[in-house]
Amino acid sequence: MNDENKGFLLTLSNERNHLTAEKRFLNPKKLYIPEIAAEEIALLVSELDGKEKINDAALMVTMTNSNNGVSVDKDVDSAAALADPENAAQIVKDLINIIRGYDMDEETNICGW
């Protein structure tokens, strides 16, 4: 059995052109801190906007547990919806909580939960 922690992958996708920006977190617990979650979302928005202007494109925020492949996503109307730090942090928290709900049935949890 391989207990290597592959972490959680936070992805922001532009639904218009399918470009993505992503970051892996080996310790996703830190994303429960609202300031950190909002900052990470802002960095992904900036990275994605640097590839091609987002303008008013609909976006998708996806969180994937790379250890077991469980993935959940949330559609947002535009980057403006993610500009509000409280909203951005809540989206990340909700996605993690959904994944953790799936993970509760597993015998081992190598991310530390």
C-alpha atoms as a PDB file:
ATOM      1  CA  MET A   1       0.000   0.000   0.000  1.00  0.00           C
ATOM      2  CA  ASN A   2       1.388   3.382  -1.014  1.00  0.00           C
ATOM      3  CA  ASP A   3       0.716   6.025   1.644  1.00  0.00           C
ATOM      4  CA  GLU A   4       2.310   8.903  -0.234  1.00  0.00           C
ATOM      5  CA  ASN A   5       0.283  12.088   0.255  1.00  0.00           C
ATOM      6  CA  LYS A   6      -0.657  13.448  -3.158  1.00  0.00           C
ATOM      7  CA  GLY A   7      -2.595  16.303  -1.562  1.00  0.00           C
ATOM      8  CA  PHE A   8      -5.526  18.339  -2.789  1.00  0.00           C
ATOM      9  CA  LEU A   9      -5.567  20.163  -6.109  1.00  0.00           C
ATOM     10  CA  LEU A  10      -7.333  23.531  -6.312  1.00  0.00           C
ATOM     11  CA  THR A  11      -8.174  24.429  -9.916  1.00  0.00           C
ATOM     12  CA  LEU A  12      -9.752  27.490 -11.478  1.00  0.00           C
ATOM     13  CA  SER A  13     -11.102  27.002 -15.009  1.00  0.00           C
ATOM     14  CA  ASN A  14     -12.351  29.495 -17.555  1.00  0.00           C
ATOM     15  CA  GLU A  15     -15.496  27.870 -18.933  1.00  0.00           C
ATOM     16  CA  ARG A  16     -15.321  29.901 -22.140  1.00  0.00           C
ATOM     17  CA  ASN A  17     -11.877  28.790 -23.359  1.00  0.00           C
ATOM     18  CA  HIS A  18     -11.142  25.909 -20.943  1.00  0.00           C
ATOM     19  CA  LEU A  19      -7.833  27.376 -19.750  1.00  0.00           C
ATOM     20  CA  THR A  20      -6.936  26.475 -16.164  1.00  0.00           C
ATOM     21  CA  ALA A  21      -4.742  27.569 -13.288  1.00  0.00           C
ATOM     22  CA  GLU A  22      -4.065  25.183 -10.430  1.00  0.00           C
ATOM     23  CA  LYS A  23      -2.143  24.667  -7.221  1.00  0.00           C
ATOM     24  CA  ARG A  24      -1.506  21.545  -5.158  1.00  0.00           C
ATOM     25  CA  PHE A  25      -1.765  21.581  -1.363  1.00  0.00           C
ATOM     26  CA  LEU A  26      -0.159  18.742   0.577  1.00  0.00           C
ATOM     27  CA  ASN A  27      -1.696  20.159   3.749  1.00  0.00           C
ATOM     28  CA  PRO A  28      -5.145  21.406   2.701  1.00  0.00           C
ATOM     29  CA  LYS A  29      -6.138  22.226   6.296  1.00  0.00           C
ATOM     30  CA  LYS A  30      -4.546  25.646   5.885  1.00  0.00           C
ATOM     31  CA  LEU A  31      -7.256  26.472   3.335  1.00  0.00           C
ATOM     32  CA  TYR A  32      -9.725  26.596   6.231  1.00  0.00           C
ATOM     33  CA  ILE A  33      -8.096  29.904   7.180  1.00  0.00           C
ATOM     34  CA  PRO A  34     -10.239  32.390   5.218  1.00  0.00           C
ATOM     35  CA  GLU A  35      -7.400  34.797   4.437  1.00  0.00           C
ATOM     36  CA  ILE A  36      -5.256  32.010   2.987  1.00  0.00           C
ATOM     37  CA  ALA A  37      -8.103  30.546   0.923  1.00  0.00           C
ATOM     38  CA  ALA A  38      -9.031  33.969  -0.470  1.00  0.00           C
ATOM     39  CA  GLU A  39      -5.389  34.734  -1.269  1.00  0.00           C
ATOM     40  CA  GLU A  40      -4.944  31.423  -3.099  1.00  0.00           C
ATOM     41  CA  ILE A  41      -8.089  32.036  -5.157  1.00  0.00           C
ATOM     42  CA  ALA A  42      -6.850  35.554  -5.993  1.00  0.00           C
ATOM     43  CA  LEU A  43      -3.519  34.108  -7.151  1.00  0.00           C
ATOM     44  CA  LEU A  44      -5.297  31.590  -9.382  1.00  0.00           C
ATOM     45  CA  VAL A  45      -7.511  34.335 -10.845  1.00  0.00           C
ATOM     46  CA  SER A  46      -4.408  36.405 -11.591  1.00  0.00           C
ATOM     47  CA  GLU A  47      -2.611  33.431 -13.171  1.00  0.00           C
ATOM     48  CA  LEU A  48      -5.626  32.545 -15.300  1.00  0.00           C
ATOM     49  CA  ASP A  49      -6.153  36.167 -16.348  1.00  0.00           C
ATOM     50  CA  GLY A  50      -2.488  36.304 -17.382  1.00  0.00           C
ATOM     51  CA  LYS A  51      -3.002  33.447 -19.850  1.00  0.00           C
ATOM     52  CA  GLU A  52      -5.935  35.178 -21.542  1.00  0.00           C
ATOM     53  CA  LYS A  53      -8.155  37.948 -20.229  1.00  0.00           C
ATOM     54  CA  ILE A  54     -11.023  36.543 -18.191  1.00  0.00           C
ATOM     55  CA  ASN A  55     -13.328  39.543 -18.705  1.00  0.00           C
ATOM     56  CA  ASP A  56     -16.838  38.334 -17.834  1.00  0.00           C
ATOM     57  CA  ALA A  57     -16.250  34.630 -18.439  1.00  0.00           C
ATOM     58  CA  ALA A  58     -17.965  32.104 -16.208  1.00  0.00           C
ATOM     59  CA  LEU A  59     -15.463  30.235 -14.058  1.00  0.00           C
ATOM     60  CA  MET A  60     -15.369  26.919 -12.261  1.00  0.00           C
ATOM     61  CA  VAL A  61     -13.553  26.310  -8.970  1.00  0.00           C
ATOM     62  CA  THR A  62     -12.632  22.644  -8.523  1.00  0.00           C
ATOM     63  CA  MET A  63     -11.123  20.842  -5.546  1.00  0.00           C
ATOM     64  CA  THR A  64      -9.744  17.337  -6.068  1.00  0.00           C
ATOM     65  CA  ASN A  65      -8.417  14.912  -3.480  1.00  0.00           C
ATOM     66  CA  SER A  66      -5.521  13.524  -5.505  1.00  0.00           C
ATOM     67  CA  ASN A  67      -5.198  10.564  -3.138  1.00  0.00           C
ATOM     68  CA  ASN A  68      -8.523   9.028  -4.157  1.00  0.00           C
ATOM     69  CA  GLY A  69      -9.720  11.073  -7.136  1.00  0.00           C
ATOM     70  CA  VAL A  70     -12.784  12.577  -5.436  1.00  0.00           C
ATOM     71  CA  SER A  71     -13.456  15.910  -7.106  1.00  0.00           C
ATOM     72  CA  VAL A  72     -16.129  18.559  -6.610  1.00  0.00           C
ATOM     73  CA  ASP A  73     -16.681  21.867  -8.325  1.00  0.00           C
ATOM     74  CA  LYS A  74     -18.582  25.109  -8.037  1.00  0.00           C
ATOM     75  CA  ASP A  75     -19.588  27.353 -10.923  1.00  0.00           C
ATOM     76  CA  VAL A  76     -19.191  31.097 -10.449  1.00  0.00           C
ATOM     77  CA  ASP A  77     -20.591  33.782 -12.731  1.00  0.00           C
ATOM     78  CA  SER A  78     -17.362  35.746 -13.104  1.00  0.00           C
ATOM     79  CA  ALA A  79     -14.069  36.675 -11.489  1.00  0.00           C
ATOM     80  CA  ALA A  80     -15.941  39.456  -9.687  1.00  0.00           C
ATOM     81  CA  ALA A  81     -17.710  36.803  -7.591  1.00  0.00           C
ATOM     82  CA  LEU A  82     -14.299  35.605  -6.422  1.00  0.00           C
ATOM     83  CA  ALA A  83     -13.026  39.122  -5.710  1.00  0.00           C
ATOM     84  CA  ASP A  84     -14.974  39.124  -2.445  1.00  0.00           C
ATOM     85  CA  PRO A  85     -12.578  37.399  -0.004  1.00  0.00           C
ATOM     86  CA  GLU A  86     -15.395  36.047   2.174  1.00  0.00           C
ATOM     87  CA  ASN A  87     -17.160  34.498  -0.804  1.00  0.00           C
ATOM     88  CA  ALA A  88     -13.942  33.017  -2.212  1.00  0.00           C
ATOM     89  CA  ALA A  89     -12.990  31.528   1.168  1.00  0.00           C
ATOM     90  CA  GLN A  90     -16.479  30.080   1.667  1.00  0.00           C
ATOM     91  CA  ILE A  91     -16.403  28.382  -1.741  1.00  0.00           C
ATOM     92  CA  VAL A  92     -13.079  26.718  -0.931  1.00  0.00           C
ATOM     93  CA  LYS A  93     -14.292  25.655   2.520  1.00  0.00           C
ATOM     94  CA  ASP A  94     -17.510  24.185   1.095  1.00  0.00           C
ATOM     95  CA  LEU A  95     -15.611  22.174  -1.522  1.00  0.00           C
ATOM     96  CA  ILE A  96     -13.206  20.770   1.080  1.00  0.00           C
ATOM     97  CA  ASN A  97     -16.093  19.827   3.376  1.00  0.00           C
ATOM     98  CA  ILE A  98     -17.853  17.950   0.577  1.00  0.00           C
ATOM     99  CA  ILE A  99     -14.680  15.994  -0.193  1.00  0.00           C
ATOM    100  CA  ARG A 100     -14.128  15.263   3.487  1.00  0.00           C
ATOM    101  CA  GLY A 101     -17.658  13.843   3.627  1.00  0.00           C
ATOM    102  CA  TYR A 102     -16.708  11.335   0.948  1.00  0.00           C
ATOM    103  CA  ASP A 103     -13.422  10.601   2.714  1.00  0.00           C
ATOM    104  CA  MET A 104     -15.085   9.705   6.038  1.00  0.00           C
ATOM    105  CA  ASP A 105     -15.725   6.159   4.814  1.00  0.00           C
ATOM    106  CA  GLU A 106     -12.078   5.499   3.980  1.00  0.00           C
ATOM    107  CA  GLU A 107      -9.945   3.531   6.420  1.00  0.00           C
ATOM    108  CA  THR A 108      -6.865   5.696   6.012  1.00  0.00           C
ATOM    109  CA  ASN A 109      -6.613   9.390   5.503  1.00  0.00           C
ATOM    110  CA  ILE A 110      -3.110  10.364   4.530  1.00  0.00           C
ATOM    111  CA  CYS A 111      -3.791  14.111   4.410  1.00  0.00           C
ATOM    112  CA  GLY A 112      -3.948  14.134   8.198  1.00  0.00           C
ATOM    113  CA  TRP A 113      -7.682  14.341   8.824  1.00  0.00           C
END
